[in-house]
PDB file of N, CA and C in Angstrom:
ATOM      1  N   MET A   1      -0.517  11.238  -1.147  1.00  0.00           N
ATOM      2  CA  MET A   1      -0.158  10.779   0.185  1.00  0.00           C
ATOM      3  C   MET A   1      -0.469  11.860   1.205  1.00  0.00           C
ATOM      4  N   VAL A   2      -0.960  11.502   2.380  1.00  0.00           N
ATOM      5  CA  VAL A   2      -1.329  12.438   3.440  1.00  0.00           C
ATOM      6  C   VAL A   2      -0.074  12.737   4.242  1.00  0.00           C
ATOM      7  N   ALA A   3       0.235  14.017   4.392  1.00  0.00           N
ATOM      8  CA  ALA A   3       1.376  14.405   5.213  1.00  0.00           C
ATOM      9  C   ALA A   3       0.971  14.366   6.687  1.00  0.00           C
ATOM     10  N   PRO A   4       1.775  13.730   7.566  1.00  0.00           N
ATOM     11  CA  PRO A   4       1.420  13.645   8.949  1.00  0.00           C
ATOM     12  C   PRO A   4       1.267  14.983   9.616  1.00  0.00           C
ATOM     13  N   SER A   5       1.925  16.025   9.102  1.00  0.00           N
ATOM     14  CA  SER A   5       1.855  17.356   9.736  1.00  0.00           C
ATOM     15  C   SER A   5       0.837  18.257   9.036  1.00  0.00           C
ATOM     16  N   SER A   6      -0.020  17.679   8.205  1.00  0.00           N
ATOM     17  CA  SER A   6      -0.996  18.479   7.447  1.00  0.00           C
ATOM     18  C   SER A   6      -1.910  19.247   8.398  1.00  0.00           C
ATOM     19  N   HIS A   7      -1.802  20.576   8.287  1.00  0.00           N
ATOM     20  CA  HIS A   7      -2.634  21.439   9.146  1.00  0.00           C
ATOM     21  C   HIS A   7      -4.103  21.311   8.777  1.00  0.00           C
ATOM     22  N   ALA A   8      -4.393  21.155   7.487  1.00  0.00           N
ATOM     23  CA  ALA A   8      -5.777  21.032   7.085  1.00  0.00           C
ATOM     24  C   ALA A   8      -6.424  19.751   7.645  1.00  0.00           C
ATOM     25  N   LEU A   9      -5.672  18.647   7.519  1.00  0.00           N
ATOM     26  CA  LEU A   9      -6.193  17.361   8.047  1.00  0.00           C
ATOM     27  C   LEU A   9      -6.307  17.426   9.558  1.00  0.00           C
ATOM     28  N   ASP A  10      -5.318  18.057  10.207  1.00  0.00           N
ATOM     29  CA  ASP A  10      -5.364  18.202  11.643  1.00  0.00           C
ATOM     30  C   ASP A  10      -6.602  18.985  12.071  1.00  0.00           C
ATOM     31  N   ARG A  11      -6.897  20.069  11.370  1.00  0.00           N
ATOM     32  CA  ARG A  11      -8.062  20.858  11.704  1.00  0.00           C
ATOM     33  C   ARG A  11      -9.361  20.105  11.430  1.00  0.00           C
ATOM     34  N   LEU A  12      -9.392  19.331  10.381  1.00  0.00           N
ATOM     35  CA  LEU A  12     -10.595  18.522  10.072  1.00  0.00           C
ATOM     36  C   LEU A  12     -10.828  17.425  11.087  1.00  0.00           C
ATOM     37  N   LEU A  13      -9.756  16.870  11.650  1.00  0.00           N
ATOM     38  CA  LEU A  13      -9.880  15.762  12.599  1.00  0.00           C
ATOM     39  C   LEU A  13     -10.112  16.243  14.024  1.00  0.00           C
ATOM     40  N   ALA A  14      -9.847  17.504  14.313  1.00  0.00           N
ATOM     41  CA  ALA A  14     -10.011  18.013  15.694  1.00  0.00           C
ATOM     42  C   ALA A  14     -11.427  17.766  16.212  1.00  0.00           C
ATOM     43  N   PRO A  15     -12.486  18.120  15.486  1.00  0.00           N
ATOM     44  CA  PRO A  15     -13.853  17.874  15.986  1.00  0.00           C
ATOM     45  C   PRO A  15     -14.145  16.364  16.113  1.00  0.00           C
ATOM     46  N   VAL A  16     -13.554  15.563  15.262  1.00  0.00           N
ATOM     47  CA  VAL A  16     -13.742  14.101  15.328  1.00  0.00           C
ATOM     48  C   VAL A  16     -13.166  13.583  16.653  1.00  0.00           C
ATOM     49  N   ALA A  17     -11.962  14.056  16.967  1.00  0.00           N
ATOM     50  CA  ALA A  17     -11.314  13.630  18.229  1.00  0.00           C
ATOM     51  C   ALA A  17     -12.087  14.054  19.427  1.00  0.00           C
ATOM     52  N   GLU A  18     -12.727  15.198  19.370  1.00  0.00           N
ATOM     53  CA  GLU A  18     -13.498  15.696  20.510  1.00  0.00           C
ATOM     54  C   GLU A  18     -14.726  14.811  20.779  1.00  0.00           C
ATOM     55  N   CYS A  19     -15.102  13.959  19.859  1.00  0.00           N
ATOM     56  CA  CYS A  19     -16.209  13.031  20.054  1.00  0.00           C
ATOM     57  C   CYS A  19     -15.776  11.834  20.904  1.00  0.00           C
ATOM     58  N   LEU A  20     -14.488  11.677  21.102  1.00  0.00           N
ATOM     59  CA  LEU A  20     -13.978  10.519  21.856  1.00  0.00           C
ATOM     60  C   LEU A  20     -14.286  10.662  23.344  1.00  0.00           C
ATOM     61  N   THR A  21     -14.728   9.572  23.945  1.00  0.00           N
ATOM     62  CA  THR A  21     -14.846   9.533  25.387  1.00  0.00           C
ATOM     63  C   THR A  21     -13.424   9.247  25.959  1.00  0.00           C
ATOM     64  N   PRO A  22     -13.232   9.495  27.250  1.00  0.00           N
ATOM     65  CA  PRO A  22     -11.924   9.155  27.814  1.00  0.00           C
ATOM     66  C   PRO A  22     -11.540   7.683  27.563  1.00  0.00           C
ATOM     67  N   ASP A  23     -12.493   6.772  27.672  1.00  0.00           N
ATOM     68  CA  ASP A  23     -12.203   5.358  27.477  1.00  0.00           C
ATOM     69  C   ASP A  23     -11.855   5.072  26.007  1.00  0.00           C
ATOM     70  N   SER A  24     -12.632   5.614  25.072  1.00  0.00           N
ATOM     71  CA  SER A  24     -12.308   5.362  23.658  1.00  0.00           C
ATOM     72  C   SER A  24     -10.994   6.058  23.249  1.00  0.00           C
ATOM     73  N   ALA A  25     -10.690   7.181  23.899  1.00  0.00           N
ATOM     74  CA  ALA A  25      -9.397   7.820  23.613  1.00  0.00           C
ATOM     75  C   ALA A  25      -8.233   6.959  24.079  1.00  0.00           C
ATOM     76  N   LYS A  26      -8.398   6.336  25.247  1.00  0.00           N
ATOM     77  CA  LYS A  26      -7.343   5.414  25.745  1.00  0.00           C
ATOM     78  C   LYS A  26      -7.149   4.243  24.754  1.00  0.00           C
ATOM     79  N   ARG A  27      -8.262   3.683  24.330  1.00  0.00           N
ATOM     80  CA  ARG A  27      -8.203   2.545  23.395  1.00  0.00           C
ATOM     81  C   ARG A  27      -7.550   2.930  22.075  1.00  0.00           C
ATOM     82  N   LEU A  28      -7.920   4.092  21.552  1.00  0.00           N
ATOM     83  CA  LEU A  28      -7.347   4.568  20.300  1.00  0.00           C
ATOM     84  C   LEU A  28      -5.845   4.860  20.449  1.00  0.00           C
ATOM     85  N   ALA A  29      -5.465   5.496  21.564  1.00  0.00           N
ATOM     86  CA  ALA A  29      -4.065   5.843  21.793  1.00  0.00           C
ATOM     87  C   ALA A  29      -3.212   4.562  21.892  1.00  0.00           C
ATOM     88  N   ALA A  30      -3.752   3.491  22.399  1.00  0.00           N
ATOM     89  CA  ALA A  30      -3.000   2.259  22.584  1.00  0.00           C
ATOM     90  C   ALA A  30      -3.058   1.336  21.391  1.00  0.00           C
ATOM     91  N   LEU A  31      -3.843   1.667  20.388  1.00  0.00           N
ATOM     92  CA  LEU A  31      -4.088   0.818  19.232  1.00  0.00           C
ATOM     93  C   LEU A  31      -2.749   0.501  18.505  1.00  0.00           C
ATOM     94  N   GLN A  32      -2.546  -0.771  18.180  1.00  0.00           N
ATOM     95  CA  GLN A  32      -1.343  -1.210  17.471  1.00  0.00           C
ATOM     96  C   GLN A  32      -1.795  -2.153  16.354  1.00  0.00           C
ATOM     97  N   PHE A  33      -0.986  -2.182  15.291  1.00  0.00           N
ATOM     98  CA  PHE A  33      -1.239  -3.097  14.205  1.00  0.00           C
ATOM     99  C   PHE A  33      -0.765  -4.493  14.626  1.00  0.00           C
ATOM    100  N   SER A  34      -1.496  -5.510  14.132  1.00  0.00           N
ATOM    101  CA  SER A  34      -1.100  -6.874  14.411  1.00  0.00           C
ATOM    102  C   SER A  34       0.224  -7.179  13.701  1.00  0.00           C
ATOM    103  N   GLY A  35       0.880  -8.232  14.175  1.00  0.00           N
ATOM    104  CA  GLY A  35       2.126  -8.685  13.563  1.00  0.00           C
ATOM    105  C   GLY A  35       1.972  -9.009  12.078  1.00  0.00           C
ATOM    106  N   ASP A  36       0.850  -9.603  11.715  1.00  0.00           N
ATOM    107  CA  ASP A  36       0.615  -9.958  10.307  1.00  0.00           C
ATOM    108  C   ASP A  36       0.570  -8.704   9.421  1.00  0.00           C
ATOM    109  N   ILE A  37      -0.112  -7.672   9.881  1.00  0.00           N
ATOM    110  CA  ILE A  37      -0.216  -6.467   9.101  1.00  0.00           C
ATOM    111  C   ILE A  37       1.126  -5.767   9.029  1.00  0.00           C
ATOM    112  N   ARG A  38       1.881  -5.704  10.144  1.00  0.00           N
ATOM    113  CA  ARG A  38       3.200  -5.073  10.126  1.00  0.00           C
ATOM    114  C   ARG A  38       4.135  -5.824   9.169  1.00  0.00           C
ATOM    115  N   SER A  39       4.072  -7.155   9.220  1.00  0.00           N
ATOM    116  CA  SER A  39       4.929  -7.940   8.316  1.00  0.00           C
ATOM    117  C   SER A  39       4.595  -7.671   6.859  1.00  0.00           C
ATOM    118  N   HIS A  40       3.320  -7.590   6.566  1.00  0.00           N
ATOM    119  CA  HIS A  40       2.873  -7.360   5.165  1.00  0.00           C
ATOM    120  C   HIS A  40       3.353  -5.966   4.718  1.00  0.00           C
ATOM    121  N   ILE A  41       3.183  -4.952   5.568  1.00  0.00           N
ATOM    122  CA  ILE A  41       3.620  -3.622   5.235  1.00  0.00           C
ATOM    123  C   ILE A  41       5.162  -3.579   5.024  1.00  0.00           C
ATOM    124  N   GLU A  42       5.904  -4.258   5.865  1.00  0.00           N
ATOM    125  CA  GLU A  42       7.345  -4.336   5.709  1.00  0.00           C
ATOM    126  C   GLU A  42       7.734  -5.022   4.395  1.00  0.00           C
ATOM    127  N   SER A  43       6.971  -6.071   4.065  1.00  0.00           N
ATOM    128  CA  SER A  43       7.240  -6.770   2.778  1.00  0.00           C
ATOM    129  C   SER A  43       6.991  -5.837   1.579  1.00  0.00           C
ATOM    130  N   LEU A  44       5.922  -5.062   1.650  1.00  0.00           N
ATOM    131  CA  LEU A  44       5.670  -4.109   0.566  1.00  0.00           C
ATOM    132  C   LEU A  44       6.761  -3.070   0.502  1.00  0.00           C
ATOM    133  N   ALA A  45       7.213  -2.563   1.652  1.00  0.00           N
ATOM    134  CA  ALA A  45       8.272  -1.557   1.672  1.00  0.00           C
ATOM    135  C   ALA A  45       9.572  -2.116   1.101  1.00  0.00           C
ATOM    136  N   GLN A  46       9.874  -3.369   1.424  1.00  0.00           N
ATOM    137  CA  GLN A  46      11.092  -3.964   0.913  1.00  0.00           C
ATOM    138  C   GLN A  46      11.004  -4.118  -0.617  1.00  0.00           C
ATOM    139  N   LYS A  47       9.839  -4.560  -1.108  1.00  0.00           N
ATOM    140  CA  LYS A  47       9.686  -4.674  -2.568  1.00  0.00           C
ATOM    141  C   LYS A  47       9.836  -3.306  -3.225  1.00  0.00           C
ATOM    142  N   ALA A  48       9.266  -2.279  -2.602  1.00  0.00           N
ATOM    143  CA  ALA A  48       9.405  -0.918  -3.158  1.00  0.00           C
ATOM    144  C   ALA A  48      10.836  -0.486  -3.205  1.00  0.00           C
ATOM    145  N   ASN A  49      11.577  -0.748  -2.133  1.00  0.00           N
ATOM    146  CA  ASN A  49      13.003  -0.366  -2.070  1.00  0.00           C
ATOM    147  C   ASN A  49      13.824  -1.112  -3.104  1.00  0.00           C
ATOM    148  N   GLU A  50      13.443  -2.371  -3.372  1.00  0.00           N
ATOM    149  CA  GLU A  50      14.189  -3.203  -4.328  1.00  0.00           C
ATOM    150  C   GLU A  50      13.753  -2.946  -5.756  1.00  0.00           C
ATOM    151  N   GLY A  51      12.635  -2.212  -5.945  1.00  0.00           N
ATOM    152  CA  GLY A  51      12.120  -1.923  -7.293  1.00  0.00           C
ATOM    153  C   GLY A  51      11.360  -3.117  -7.856  1.00  0.00           C
ATOM    154  N   THR A  52      10.913  -4.032  -7.046  1.00  0.00           N
ATOM    155  CA  THR A  52      10.198  -5.213  -7.556  1.00  0.00           C
ATOM    156  C   THR A  52       8.675  -5.182  -7.216  1.00  0.00           C
ATOM    157  N   ILE A  53       8.214  -4.037  -6.794  1.00  0.00           N
ATOM    158  CA  ILE A  53       6.819  -3.920  -6.389  1.00  0.00           C
ATOM    159  C   ILE A  53       5.904  -3.745  -7.628  1.00  0.00           C
ATOM    160  N   SER A  54       4.806  -4.467  -7.647  1.00  0.00           N
ATOM    161  CA  SER A  54       3.837  -4.331  -8.772  1.00  0.00           C
ATOM    162  C   SER A  54       3.014  -3.075  -8.553  1.00  0.00           C
ATOM    163  N   GLU A  55       2.270  -2.674  -9.610  1.00  0.00           N
ATOM    164  CA  GLU A  55       1.404  -1.490  -9.485  1.00  0.00           C
ATOM    165  C   GLU A  55       0.328  -1.726  -8.446  1.00  0.00           C
ATOM    166  N   ALA A  56      -0.218  -2.886  -8.402  1.00  0.00           N
ATOM    167  CA  ALA A  56      -1.273  -3.210  -7.400  1.00  0.00           C
ATOM    168  C   ALA A  56      -0.708  -3.130  -5.981  1.00  0.00           C
ATOM    169  N   GLU A  57       0.504  -3.644  -5.834  1.00  0.00           N
ATOM    170  CA  GLU A  57       1.145  -3.585  -4.488  1.00  0.00           C
ATOM    171  C   GLU A  57       1.504  -2.149  -4.119  1.00  0.00           C
ATOM    172  N   ARG A  58       1.949  -1.372  -5.141  1.00  0.00           N
ATOM    173  CA  ARG A  58       2.254   0.029  -4.883  1.00  0.00           C
ATOM    174  C   ARG A  58       1.015   0.802  -4.408  1.00  0.00           C
ATOM    175  N   ALA A  59      -0.108   0.532  -5.035  1.00  0.00           N
ATOM    176  CA  ALA A  59      -1.382   1.158  -4.621  1.00  0.00           C
ATOM    177  C   ALA A  59      -1.742   0.734  -3.178  1.00  0.00           C
ATOM    178  N   GLU A  60      -1.575  -0.561  -2.904  1.00  0.00           N
ATOM    179  CA  GLU A  60      -1.859  -1.055  -1.559  1.00  0.00           C
ATOM    180  C   GLU A  60      -0.947  -0.410  -0.529  1.00  0.00           C
ATOM    181  N   ASP A  61       0.339  -0.308  -0.865  1.00  0.00           N
ATOM    182  CA  ASP A  61       1.306   0.320   0.027  1.00  0.00           C
ATOM    183  C   ASP A  61       0.910   1.754   0.295  1.00  0.00           C
ATOM    184  N   LEU A  62       0.519   2.505  -0.725  1.00  0.00           N
ATOM    185  CA  LEU A  62       0.095   3.879  -0.551  1.00  0.00           C
ATOM    186  C   LEU A  62      -1.141   3.951   0.352  1.00  0.00           C
ATOM    187  N   ASP A  63      -2.074   3.022   0.164  1.00  0.00           N
ATOM    188  CA  ASP A  63      -3.255   2.959   1.062  1.00  0.00           C
ATOM    189  C   ASP A  63      -2.841   2.788   2.504  1.00  0.00           C
ATOM    190  N   TYR A  64      -1.898   1.918   2.747  1.00  0.00           N
ATOM    191  CA  TYR A  64      -1.427   1.688   4.145  1.00  0.00           C
ATOM    192  C   TYR A  64      -0.769   2.955   4.714  1.00  0.00           C
ATOM    193  N   VAL A  65       0.078   3.613   3.912  1.00  0.00           N
ATOM    194  CA  VAL A  65       0.753   4.837   4.333  1.00  0.00           C
ATOM    195  C   VAL A  65      -0.283   5.897   4.703  1.00  0.00           C
ATOM    196  N   GLU A  66      -1.229   6.102   3.845  1.00  0.00           N
ATOM    197  CA  GLU A  66      -2.258   7.127   4.104  1.00  0.00           C
ATOM    198  C   GLU A  66      -3.097   6.776   5.329  1.00  0.00           C
ATOM    199  N   ALA A  67      -3.450   5.501   5.462  1.00  0.00           N
ATOM    200  CA  ALA A  67      -4.251   5.101   6.630  1.00  0.00           C
ATOM    201  C   ALA A  67      -3.442   5.260   7.926  1.00  0.00           C
ATOM    202  N   MET A  68      -2.184   4.906   7.883  1.00  0.00           N
ATOM    203  CA  MET A  68      -1.325   5.039   9.083  1.00  0.00           C
ATOM    204  C   MET A  68      -1.123   6.516   9.443  1.00  0.00           C
ATOM    205  N   ASP A  69      -1.005   7.370   8.441  1.00  0.00           N
ATOM    206  CA  ASP A  69      -0.902   8.804   8.737  1.00  0.00           C
ATOM    207  C   ASP A  69      -2.184   9.300   9.444  1.00  0.00           C
ATOM    208  N   LEU A  70      -3.311   8.919   8.945  1.00  0.00           N
ATOM    209  CA  LEU A  70      -4.592   9.315   9.521  1.00  0.00           C
ATOM    210  C   LEU A  70      -4.741   8.779  10.934  1.00  0.00           C
ATOM    211  N   ILE A  71      -4.441   7.527  11.079  1.00  0.00           N
ATOM    212  CA  ILE A  71      -4.557   6.865  12.414  1.00  0.00           C
ATOM    213  C   ILE A  71      -3.562   7.561  13.407  1.00  0.00           C
ATOM    214  N   GLY A  72      -2.347   7.880  12.891  1.00  0.00           N
ATOM    215  CA  GLY A  72      -1.348   8.528  13.747  1.00  0.00           C
ATOM    216  C   GLY A  72      -1.832   9.875  14.247  1.00  0.00           C
ATOM    217  N   ILE A  73      -2.467  10.659  13.392  1.00  0.00           N
ATOM    218  CA  ILE A  73      -2.961  11.964  13.805  1.00  0.00           C
ATOM    219  C   ILE A  73      -4.076  11.765  14.860  1.00  0.00           C
ATOM    220  N   LEU A  74      -4.980  10.799  14.614  1.00  0.00           N
ATOM    221  CA  LEU A  74      -6.048  10.543  15.546  1.00  0.00           C
ATOM    222  C   LEU A  74      -5.494  10.060  16.858  1.00  0.00           C
ATOM    223  N   GLN A  75      -4.454   9.203  16.835  1.00  0.00           N
ATOM    224  CA  GLN A  75      -3.866   8.721  18.069  1.00  0.00           C
ATOM    225  C   GLN A  75      -3.202   9.870  18.855  1.00  0.00           C
ATOM    226  N   SER A  76      -2.589  10.788  18.162  1.00  0.00           N
ATOM    227  CA  SER A  76      -1.990  11.943  18.823  1.00  0.00           C
ATOM    228  C   SER A  76      -3.065  12.720  19.544  1.00  0.00           C
ATOM    229  N   LYS A  77      -4.168  12.940  18.877  1.00  0.00           N
ATOM    230  CA  LYS A  77      -5.292  13.682  19.520  1.00  0.00           C
ATOM    231  C   LYS A  77      -5.864  12.909  20.664  1.00  0.00           C
ATOM    232  N   ALA A  78      -5.939  11.565  20.532  1.00  0.00           N
ATOM    233  CA  ALA A  78      -6.450  10.740  21.625  1.00  0.00           C
ATOM    234  C   ALA A  78      -5.555  10.829  22.821  1.00  0.00           C
ATOM    235  N   ARG A  79      -4.214  10.832  22.621  1.00  0.00           N
ATOM    236  CA  ARG A  79      -3.292  10.961  23.760  1.00  0.00           C
ATOM    237  C   ARG A  79      -3.444  12.301  24.457  1.00  0.00           C
ATOM    238  N   GLN A  80      -3.718  13.352  23.670  1.00  0.00           N
ATOM    239  CA  GLN A  80      -3.965  14.654  24.292  1.00  0.00           C
ATOM    240  C   GLN A  80      -5.239  14.608  25.180  1.00  0.00           C
ATOM    241  N   ILE A  81      -6.249  13.918  24.715  1.00  0.00           N
ATOM    242  CA  ILE A  81      -7.502  13.788  25.506  1.00  0.00           C
ATOM    243  C   ILE A  81      -7.196  12.986  26.774  1.00  0.00           C
ATOM    244  N   VAL A  82      -6.420  11.922  26.665  1.00  0.00           N
ATOM    245  CA  VAL A  82      -6.090  11.094  27.836  1.00  0.00           C
ATOM    246  C   VAL A  82      -5.343  11.965  28.866  1.00  0.00           C
ATOM    247  N   VAL A  83      -4.344  12.726  28.416  1.00  0.00           N
ATOM    248  CA  VAL A  83      -3.565  13.575  29.310  1.00  0.00           C
ATOM    249  C   VAL A  83      -4.499  14.614  29.935  1.00  0.00           C
ATOM    250  N   ARG A  84      -5.342  15.231  29.135  1.00  0.00           N
ATOM    251  CA  ARG A  84      -6.257  16.249  29.632  1.00  0.00           C
ATOM    252  C   ARG A  84      -7.175  15.637  30.695  1.00  0.00           C
ATOM    253  N   ASN A  85      -7.677  14.417  30.415  1.00  0.00           N
ATOM    254  CA  ASN A  85      -8.553  13.755  31.372  1.00  0.00           C
ATOM    255  C   ASN A  85      -7.824  13.387  32.665  1.00  0.00           C
ATOM    256  N   MET A  86      -6.556  12.946  32.535  1.00  0.00           N
ATOM    257  CA  MET A  86      -5.780  12.629  33.729  1.00  0.00           C
ATOM    258  C   MET A  86      -5.554  13.870  34.593  1.00  0.00           C
ATOM    259  N   SER A  87      -5.283  14.986  33.915  1.00  0.00           N
ATOM    260  CA  SER A  87      -5.073  16.227  34.619  1.00  0.00           C
ATOM    261  C   SER A  87      -6.337  16.651  35.336  1.00  0.00           C
ATOM    262  N   PHE A  88      -7.475  16.478  34.677  1.00  0.00           N
ATOM    263  CA  PHE A  88      -8.753  16.842  35.277  1.00  0.00           C
ATOM    264  C   PHE A  88      -8.993  15.974  36.524  1.00  0.00           C
ATOM    265  N   LEU A  89      -8.742  14.689  36.429  1.00  0.00           N
ATOM    266  CA  LEU A  89      -8.973  13.777  37.542  1.00  0.00           C
ATOM    267  C   LEU A  89      -8.050  14.118  38.698  1.00  0.00           C
ATOM    268  N   CYS A  90      -6.809  14.465  38.396  1.00  0.00           N
ATOM    269  CA  CYS A  90      -5.863  14.793  39.470  1.00  0.00           C
ATOM    270  C   CYS A  90      -6.231  16.092  40.145  1.00  0.00           C
ATOM    271  N   ASN A  91      -6.826  17.036  39.399  1.00  0.00           N
ATOM    272  CA  ASN A  91      -7.137  18.300  39.956  1.00  0.00           C
ATOM    273  C   ASN A  91      -8.574  18.351  40.551  1.00  0.00           C
ATOM    274  N   ALA A  92      -9.323  17.272  40.373  1.00  0.00           N
ATOM    275  CA  ALA A  92     -10.713  17.228  40.853  1.00  0.00           C
ATOM    276  C   ALA A  92     -10.798  17.256  42.387  1.00  0.00           C
ATOM    277  N   ASP A  93      -9.798  16.641  43.028  1.00  0.00           N
ATOM    278  CA  ASP A  93      -9.821  16.608  44.507  1.00  0.00           C
ATOM    279  C   ASP A  93      -8.852  17.704  44.980  1.00  0.00           C
ATOM    280  N   LYS A  94      -9.412  18.820  45.426  1.00  0.00           N
ATOM    281  CA  LYS A  94      -8.609  19.983  45.816  1.00  0.00           C
ATOM    282  C   LYS A  94      -7.870  19.778  47.148  1.00  0.00           C
ATOM    283  N   ARG A  95      -8.100  18.651  47.835  1.00  0.00           N
ATOM    284  CA  ARG A  95      -7.348  18.404  49.053  1.00  0.00           C
ATOM    285  C   ARG A  95      -5.882  18.160  48.780  1.00  0.00           C
ATOM    286  N   PHE A  96      -5.562  17.772  47.583  1.00  0.00           N
ATOM    287  CA  PHE A  96      -4.199  17.495  47.226  1.00  0.00           C
ATOM    288  C   PHE A  96      -3.647  18.587  46.333  1.00  0.00           C
ATOM    289  N   ASN A  97      -2.503  19.043  46.617  1.00  0.00           N
ATOM    290  CA  ASN A  97      -1.842  20.091  45.820  1.00  0.00           C
ATOM    291  C   ASN A  97      -0.801  19.361  44.972  1.00  0.00           C
ATOM    292  N   LEU A  98      -1.251  18.831  43.856  1.00  0.00           N
ATOM    293  CA  LEU A  98      -0.334  18.000  43.019  1.00  0.00           C
ATOM    294  C   LEU A  98      -0.127  18.671  41.666  1.00  0.00           C
ATOM    295  N   THR A  99       1.071  18.576  41.205  1.00  0.00           N
ATOM    296  CA  THR A  99       1.357  18.945  39.822  1.00  0.00           C
ATOM    297  C   THR A  99       1.939  17.699  39.177  1.00  0.00           C
ATOM    298  N   ILE A 100       1.237  17.196  38.184  1.00  0.00           N
ATOM    299  CA  ILE A 100       1.678  15.966  37.513  1.00  0.00           C
ATOM    300  C   ILE A 100       1.970  16.319  36.057  1.00  0.00           C
ATOM    301  N   GLN A 101       3.156  15.977  35.651  1.00  0.00           N
ATOM    302  CA  GLN A 101       3.528  16.177  34.241  1.00  0.00           C
ATOM    303  C   GLN A 101       3.776  14.796  33.668  1.00  0.00           C
ATOM    304  N   VAL A 102       2.954  14.473  32.657  1.00  0.00           N
ATOM    305  CA  VAL A 102       3.023  13.175  32.024  1.00  0.00           C
ATOM    306  C   VAL A 102       3.105  13.379  30.537  1.00  0.00           C
ATOM    307  N   SER A 103       4.106  12.778  29.932  1.00  0.00           N
ATOM    308  CA  SER A 103       4.221  12.914  28.458  1.00  0.00           C
ATOM    309  C   SER A 103       3.221  11.943  27.828  1.00  0.00           C
ATOM    310  N   PRO A 104       2.788  12.255  26.589  1.00  0.00           N
ATOM    311  CA  PRO A 104       1.874  11.324  25.894  1.00  0.00           C
ATOM    312  C   PRO A 104       2.472   9.906  25.741  1.00  0.00           C
ATOM    313  N   VAL A 105       3.800   9.820  25.604  1.00  0.00           N
ATOM    314  CA  VAL A 105       4.429   8.492  25.509  1.00  0.00           C
ATOM    315  C   VAL A 105       4.244   7.720  26.802  1.00  0.00           C
ATOM    316  N   GLU A 106       4.424   8.415  27.941  1.00  0.00           N
ATOM    317  CA  GLU A 106       4.213   7.725  29.218  1.00  0.00           C
ATOM    318  C   GLU A 106       2.777   7.332  29.407  1.00  0.00           C
ATOM    319  N   VAL A 107       1.849   8.130  28.901  1.00  0.00           N
ATOM    320  CA  VAL A 107       0.434   7.778  29.002  1.00  0.00           C
ATOM    321  C   VAL A 107       0.163   6.470  28.245  1.00  0.00           C
ATOM    322  N   VAL A 108       0.694   6.398  27.043  1.00  0.00           N
ATOM    323  CA  VAL A 108       0.479   5.188  26.263  1.00  0.00           C
ATOM    324  C   VAL A 108       1.057   3.980  26.937  1.00  0.00           C
ATOM    325  N   ARG A 109       2.216   4.098  27.540  1.00  0.00           N
ATOM    326  CA  ARG A 109       2.842   2.999  28.271  1.00  0.00           C
ATOM    327  C   ARG A 109       1.967   2.521  29.436  1.00  0.00           C
ATOM    328  N   CYS A 110       1.285   3.439  30.023  1.00  0.00           N
ATOM    329  CA  CYS A 110       0.460   3.136  31.204  1.00  0.00           C
ATOM    330  C   CYS A 110      -0.928   2.584  30.873  1.00  0.00           C
ATOM    331  N   LEU A 111      -1.305   2.684  29.631  1.00  0.00           N
ATOM    332  CA  LEU A 111      -2.669   2.259  29.216  1.00  0.00           C
ATOM    333  C   LEU A 111      -2.793   0.765  29.392  1.00  0.00           C
ATOM    334  N   GLU A 112      -3.913   0.349  29.935  1.00  0.00           N
ATOM    335  CA  GLU A 112      -4.149  -1.066  30.140  1.00  0.00           C
ATOM    336  C   GLU A 112      -4.648  -1.747  28.885  1.00  0.00           C
ATOM    337  N   VAL A 113      -5.462  -1.070  28.082  1.00  0.00           N
ATOM    338  CA  VAL A 113      -6.055  -1.625  26.891  1.00  0.00           C
ATOM    339  C   VAL A 113      -5.102  -1.473  25.725  1.00  0.00           C
ATOM    340  N   GLN A 114      -4.762  -2.571  25.080  1.00  0.00           N
ATOM    341  CA  GLN A 114      -3.868  -2.526  23.904  1.00  0.00           C
ATOM    342  C   GLN A 114      -4.486  -3.328  22.783  1.00  0.00           C
ATOM    343  N   PRO A 115      -5.534  -2.762  22.138  1.00  0.00           N
ATOM    344  CA  PRO A 115      -6.187  -3.496  21.048  1.00  0.00           C
ATOM    345  C   PRO A 115      -5.254  -3.622  19.838  1.00  0.00           C
ATOM    346  N   LYS A 116      -5.480  -4.608  19.056  1.00  0.00           N
ATOM    347  CA  LYS A 116      -4.697  -4.858  17.862  1.00  0.00           C
ATOM    348  C   LYS A 116      -5.601  -4.727  16.598  1.00  0.00           C
ATOM    349  N   LEU A 117      -5.064  -4.176  15.586  1.00  0.00           N
ATOM    350  CA  LEU A 117      -5.787  -4.110  14.323  1.00  0.00           C
ATOM    351  C   LEU A 117      -5.410  -5.359  13.510  1.00  0.00           C
ATOM    352  N   GLY A 118      -6.439  -5.949  12.891  1.00  0.00           N
ATOM    353  CA  GLY A 118      -6.138  -7.029  11.982  1.00  0.00           C
ATOM    354  C   GLY A 118      -6.388  -8.377  12.482  1.00  0.00           C
TER     355      GLY A 118
END
């Protein structure tokens, strides 16, 4: 299983994230799983907790966990790019003396594009 705080994975994904354009970073940051996928993952988790999960389902559950960890790290990097781009845009016009502090969570809430997986 991939640990969400894995420094090695984080370092490996840093150059991948730098390939994102501001628009693709926004889309990645706002990416959400569809209701069908979330329901299926919850069903697998419930079976695992109850001890009724099959080996095939356990392998599928592990695949989902690893994929979500990877996507989560990429989304975190995408939010950083969005914040950095917003800061650049705000500082581009020197007529305004603005200091804007925006958390990554607020950035995601403000994103217009909310693609769904699945």
